[in-house]
């Protein structure tokens, strides 16, 4: 029995198998497509930062349900029962036997899986700074991002995805998208974004920057990066220019640090 266990363990050693990652993402209409979704960027940025080889499979909005359900991914329920990102992990034994396929359907699960299996360079998942960063963003910037970024995502989407966006999003907005956007502007979306950027950059600079903990990257940094890439890739140019201006030097250092370590290198990958 023990020899059989050792045999199975040897078969699972990294050197006896090859592993392929496929990230499922929502494309823009650009050629090649660009990644824009903040949820997907929570996973993509980790793949990029760790320089893990992977492929992207682009799936338009109306095809997500069909693709995921065909692979046996269960519905999450609610207004958006099937969502991206999803990462397929295909492990092929060296002896050529049947590949093992694993699906990860939550961005945090994907990020933690990658951190455990590709520990260098490390990302700190244990620090309470991650919860602090997300709570700070949600309290100070999420409302303005919903009004000024989300409402214009359709402008970067392919035709079928844009139509799907206009069909589904008003159901939870409780009104047409253009009216929802104007409502948010009337409620002070621009002013909230300006003041929110001040709060978030103070948090970024709390330990001297460029990251939340100084030189050490946490998953909180990745979460913030994903939100800002949502604005850069999925929102109007005017919004991104305002964010850069209001973020100032602290924000520029934050983005530059991620750019220099490769986290932004595979936007179209």
Protein backbone atom coordinates (compact mmCIF):
# COMPACT_ATOMS: atom_id res chain seq x y z
CA UNK A 1 0.00 0.00 0.00
CA UNK A 2 2.79 2.42 0.94
CA UNK A 3 4.67 1.67 -2.30
CA UNK A 4 1.49 2.44 -4.27
CA UNK A 5 1.11 5.76 -2.44
CA UNK A 6 4.74 6.66 -3.21
CA UNK A 7 4.16 5.73 -6.83
CA UNK A 8 1.17 8.06 -7.03
CA UNK A 9 3.11 10.83 -5.32
CA UNK A 10 5.94 10.47 -7.81
CA UNK A 11 3.46 10.72 -10.65
CA UNK A 12 2.30 14.06 -9.25
CA UNK A 13 5.75 15.60 -8.96
CA UNK A 14 6.04 18.80 -11.03
CA UNK A 15 8.90 17.39 -13.12
CA UNK A 16 6.70 14.51 -14.33
CA UNK A 17 3.96 16.65 -15.79
CA UNK A 18 3.26 19.77 -17.79
CA UNK A 19 0.65 22.32 -16.80
CA UNK A 20 -1.13 24.72 -19.13
CA UNK A 21 -3.23 27.68 -18.01
CA UNK A 22 -6.04 29.20 -20.07
CA UNK A 23 -7.64 32.41 -18.84
CA UNK A 24 -11.15 33.14 -20.07
CA UNK A 25 -11.68 36.87 -20.58
CA UNK A 26 -14.20 39.28 -22.13
CA UNK A 27 -12.79 41.01 -25.23
CA UNK A 28 -12.95 44.61 -26.32
CA UNK A 29 -13.57 45.41 -29.98
CA UNK A 30 -9.92 46.38 -30.44
CA UNK A 31 -7.71 44.23 -32.66
CA UNK A 32 -6.19 42.43 -30.85
CA UNK A 33 -8.72 42.50 -27.97
CA UNK A 34 -7.69 44.12 -24.71
CA UNK A 35 -8.48 43.03 -21.17
CA UNK A 36 -10.69 45.52 -19.32
CA UNK A 37 -12.75 43.71 -16.66
CA UNK A 38 -11.62 44.41 -13.07
CA UNK A 39 -12.58 40.89 -11.98
CA UNK A 40 -10.46 39.36 -14.72
CA UNK A 41 -7.57 41.71 -13.96
CA UNK A 42 -7.52 40.39 -10.38
CA UNK A 43 -6.28 37.13 -11.94
CA UNK A 44 -4.45 38.42 -15.04
CA UNK A 45 -2.26 40.81 -13.07
CA UNK A 46 -1.08 37.92 -10.88
CA UNK A 47 -0.28 35.79 -13.94
CA UNK A 48 1.65 38.70 -15.43
CA UNK A 49 3.45 39.66 -12.23
CA UNK A 50 4.63 36.09 -11.71
CA UNK A 51 5.44 35.72 -15.43
CA UNK A 52 3.44 32.52 -15.63
CA UNK A 53 2.88 31.26 -19.20
CA UNK A 54 -0.79 31.22 -20.14
CA UNK A 55 -3.21 31.61 -23.02
CA UNK A 56 -6.31 33.77 -23.22
CA UNK A 57 -9.59 32.55 -24.60
CA UNK A 58 -11.82 35.50 -25.42
CA UNK A 59 -15.52 34.94 -24.78
CA UNK A 60 -18.13 37.56 -25.63
CA UNK A 61 -20.80 38.37 -23.06
CA UNK A 62 -23.71 36.43 -24.63
CA UNK A 63 -21.49 33.34 -25.02
CA UNK A 64 -20.30 33.10 -21.40
CA UNK A 65 -23.30 31.07 -20.21
CA UNK A 66 -23.07 28.69 -23.16
CA UNK A 67 -19.32 28.11 -22.82
CA UNK A 68 -19.22 27.67 -19.04
CA UNK A 69 -22.33 25.54 -18.76
CA UNK A 70 -21.00 23.28 -21.53
CA UNK A 71 -17.92 22.67 -19.37
CA UNK A 72 -20.10 21.77 -16.41
CA UNK A 73 -19.60 25.03 -14.51
CA UNK A 74 -22.67 25.46 -12.27
CA UNK A 75 -24.77 28.61 -12.20
CA UNK A 76 -24.09 31.11 -9.42
CA UNK A 77 -27.69 32.28 -9.56
CA UNK A 78 -28.85 35.88 -9.54
CA UNK A 79 -28.84 38.30 -12.47
CA UNK A 80 -25.41 37.13 -13.68
CA UNK A 81 -25.34 33.36 -13.09
CA UNK A 82 -22.19 32.75 -15.17
CA UNK A 83 -19.32 35.20 -15.00
CA UNK A 84 -15.65 35.55 -15.85
CA UNK A 85 -12.84 35.15 -15.08
CA UNK A 86 -12.41 31.46 -15.25
CA UNK A 87 -9.08 29.67 -15.51
CA UNK A 88 -8.67 26.20 -16.90
CA UNK A 89 -5.70 24.28 -15.51
CA UNK A 90 -4.72 21.37 -17.76
CA UNK A 91 -2.15 18.99 -16.27
CA UNK A 92 -0.68 16.41 -18.63
CA UNK A 93 1.40 13.55 -17.18
CA UNK A 94 4.74 12.88 -18.85
CA UNK A 95 3.63 9.34 -19.72
CA UNK A 96 1.00 10.74 -22.08
CA UNK A 97 -1.97 9.54 -20.07
CA UNK A 98 -5.26 11.43 -19.89
CA UNK A 99 -4.84 15.11 -18.91
CA UNK A 100 -6.40 16.28 -15.67
CA UNK A 101 -8.52 19.42 -16.00
CA UNK A 102 -9.40 21.76 -13.18
CA UNK A 103 -11.58 24.89 -13.43
CA UNK A 104 -11.20 27.87 -11.13
CA UNK A 105 -14.14 30.27 -11.34
CA UNK A 106 -13.35 33.01 -8.82
CA UNK A 107 -10.64 35.63 -9.29
CA UNK A 108 -9.43 35.37 -5.69
CA UNK A 109 -9.24 31.57 -5.94
CA UNK A 110 -7.25 31.88 -9.16
CA UNK A 111 -4.85 34.37 -7.59
CA UNK A 112 -4.32 32.23 -4.48
CA UNK A 113 -3.80 29.11 -6.58
CA UNK A 114 -1.15 30.88 -8.62
CA UNK A 115 0.56 32.25 -5.53
CA UNK A 116 0.74 28.79 -4.00
CA UNK A 117 1.98 27.08 -7.16
CA UNK A 118 4.24 29.90 -8.35
CA UNK A 119 5.52 31.44 -5.10
CA UNK A 120 8.17 33.70 -6.68
CA UNK A 121 7.76 36.63 -6.70
CA UNK A 122 5.56 36.48 -3.64
CA UNK A 123 2.27 38.29 -3.14
CA UNK A 124 1.09 38.80 0.42
CA UNK A 125 -2.43 37.42 0.81
CA UNK A 126 -2.46 37.43 4.60
CA UNK A 127 -2.10 41.11 5.43
CA UNK A 128 -5.25 42.95 6.59
CA UNK A 129 -4.18 45.71 4.18
CA UNK A 130 -6.12 43.90 1.44
CA UNK A 131 -9.43 44.23 3.26
CA UNK A 132 -8.56 47.83 4.14
CA UNK A 133 -7.80 48.65 0.50
CA UNK A 134 -11.03 47.11 -0.81
CA UNK A 135 -13.14 48.76 1.88
CA UNK A 136 -11.49 52.12 1.24
CA UNK A 137 -12.08 51.86 -2.49
CA UNK A 138 -15.68 50.74 -2.06
CA UNK A 139 -16.44 53.53 0.38
CA UNK A 140 -14.77 56.32 -1.58
CA UNK A 141 -14.58 55.40 -5.26
CA UNK A 142 -16.88 52.54 -6.23
CA UNK A 143 -19.99 54.66 -6.61
CA UNK A 144 -18.26 57.10 -8.95
CA UNK A 145 -16.64 54.25 -10.91
CA UNK A 146 -20.04 52.66 -11.42
CA UNK A 147 -21.42 55.92 -12.78
CA UNK A 148 -18.45 57.10 -14.82
CA UNK A 149 -16.74 53.88 -15.93
CA UNK A 150 -19.26 51.03 -15.92
CA UNK A 151 -21.94 52.97 -17.74
CA UNK A 152 -19.68 53.52 -20.76
CA UNK A 153 -18.13 50.06 -21.01
CA UNK A 154 -20.37 49.33 -23.99
CA UNK A 155 -18.29 51.80 -26.02
CA UNK A 156 -15.29 49.45 -25.98
CA UNK A 157 -17.22 46.20 -26.46
CA UNK A 158 -17.87 44.29 -29.70
CA UNK A 159 -21.37 44.72 -31.09
CA UNK A 160 -22.89 41.54 -29.66
CA UNK A 161 -21.42 42.13 -26.21
CA UNK A 162 -22.53 45.76 -26.23
CA UNK A 163 -26.09 44.69 -27.08
CA UNK A 164 -26.02 42.14 -24.25
CA UNK A 165 -24.72 44.79 -21.86
CA UNK A 166 -27.63 47.09 -22.74
CA UNK A 167 -30.10 44.25 -22.35
CA UNK A 168 -28.92 43.06 -18.93
CA UNK A 169 -27.47 45.96 -16.94
CA UNK A 170 -30.64 48.08 -16.75
CA UNK A 171 -32.27 45.19 -14.87
CA UNK A 172 -30.18 45.88 -11.79
CA UNK A 173 -29.80 49.60 -12.46
CA UNK A 174 -33.63 49.77 -12.49
CA UNK A 175 -33.48 52.23 -15.38
CA UNK A 176 -31.83 52.75 -18.78
CA UNK A 177 -28.05 53.05 -18.54
CA UNK A 178 -27.88 56.65 -19.75
CA UNK A 179 -30.33 57.75 -17.06
CA UNK A 180 -28.43 55.81 -14.43
CA UNK A 181 -25.19 57.53 -15.44
CA UNK A 182 -26.81 60.97 -15.27
CA UNK A 183 -28.28 60.10 -11.87
CA UNK A 184 -24.80 59.29 -10.58
CA UNK A 185 -23.40 62.52 -12.01
CA UNK A 186 -26.22 64.48 -10.39
CA UNK A 187 -25.35 62.77 -7.11
CA UNK A 188 -21.77 64.06 -7.39
CA UNK A 189 -19.87 61.27 -9.15
CA UNK A 190 -17.09 63.59 -10.36
CA UNK A 191 -16.68 65.22 -6.97
CA UNK A 192 -16.69 61.83 -5.24
CA UNK A 193 -14.01 60.58 -7.61
CA UNK A 194 -11.77 63.56 -6.93
CA UNK A 195 -12.08 63.28 -3.15
CA UNK A 196 -11.87 59.49 -3.33
CA UNK A 197 -8.57 59.62 -5.20
CA UNK A 198 -7.15 61.73 -2.39
CA UNK A 199 -8.17 59.13 0.18
CA UNK A 200 -6.86 56.18 -1.84
CA UNK A 201 -3.50 57.82 -2.57
CA UNK A 202 -3.08 58.58 1.12
CA UNK A 203 -3.53 54.86 1.76
CA UNK A 204 -1.08 54.00 -1.04
CA UNK A 205 1.53 56.29 0.50
CA UNK A 206 0.88 55.21 4.09
CA UNK A 207 4.06 53.11 4.19
CA UNK A 208 6.08 55.20 1.73
CA UNK A 209 4.88 53.50 -1.47
CA UNK A 210 4.95 52.54 -4.19
CA UNK A 211 2.73 49.76 -2.80
CA UNK A 212 0.43 49.64 0.19
CA UNK A 213 3.08 48.01 2.34
CA UNK A 214 5.99 49.91 0.85
CA UNK A 215 8.10 47.67 -1.39
CA UNK A 216 6.07 44.51 -0.64
CA UNK A 217 3.23 43.61 -3.01
CA UNK A 218 -0.04 42.49 -1.43
CA UNK A 219 -3.25 41.25 -2.99
CA UNK A 220 -4.69 44.60 -1.92
CA UNK A 221 -2.38 46.26 -4.47
CA UNK A 222 -3.61 43.86 -7.14
CA UNK A 223 -7.24 44.65 -6.29
CA UNK A 224 -6.64 48.39 -6.58
CA UNK A 225 -4.70 47.93 -9.81
CA UNK A 226 -7.60 45.95 -11.29
CA UNK A 227 -10.07 48.72 -10.53
CA UNK A 228 -7.84 51.33 -12.14
CA UNK A 229 -7.24 49.21 -15.23
CA UNK A 230 -11.01 48.94 -15.51
CA UNK A 231 -11.06 52.71 -15.87
CA UNK A 232 -8.06 52.82 -18.22
CA UNK A 233 -9.22 50.06 -20.56
CA UNK A 234 -13.01 50.16 -20.22
CA UNK A 235 -13.89 53.76 -19.46
CA UNK A 236 -13.86 57.06 -21.32
CA UNK A 237 -10.47 58.72 -21.85
CA UNK A 238 -11.66 61.73 -19.86
CA UNK A 239 -12.17 59.61 -16.75
CA UNK A 240 -8.69 58.08 -16.93
CA UNK A 241 -7.11 61.51 -17.41
CA UNK A 242 -8.94 62.79 -14.33
CA UNK A 243 -7.83 59.79 -12.28
CA UNK A 244 -4.21 60.31 -13.29
CA UNK A 245 -4.40 64.00 -12.48
CA UNK A 246 -6.13 63.58 -9.12
CA UNK A 247 -3.89 60.64 -8.20
CA UNK A 248 -0.77 62.71 -8.73
CA UNK A 249 2.75 61.47 -8.09
CA UNK A 250 1.72 58.77 -5.60
CA UNK A 251 -0.63 57.16 -8.11
CA UNK A 252 1.93 57.46 -10.92
CA UNK A 253 4.52 55.67 -8.78
CA UNK A 254 2.03 52.91 -8.00
CA UNK A 255 1.18 52.30 -11.66
CA UNK A 256 4.82 52.62 -12.79
CA UNK A 257 5.96 50.05 -10.20
CA UNK A 258 3.46 47.52 -11.54
CA UNK A 259 4.42 48.32 -15.11
CA UNK A 260 8.12 47.82 -14.37
CA UNK A 261 7.57 44.41 -12.77
CA UNK A 262 5.52 43.19 -15.73
CA UNK A 263 2.03 43.12 -14.25
CA UNK A 264 0.68 45.22 -17.14
CA UNK A 265 2.70 43.51 -19.88
CA UNK A 266 0.04 41.18 -21.30
CA UNK A 267 -3.08 43.29 -21.81
CA UNK A 268 -3.83 41.62 -25.16
CA UNK A 269 -2.20 38.25 -24.41
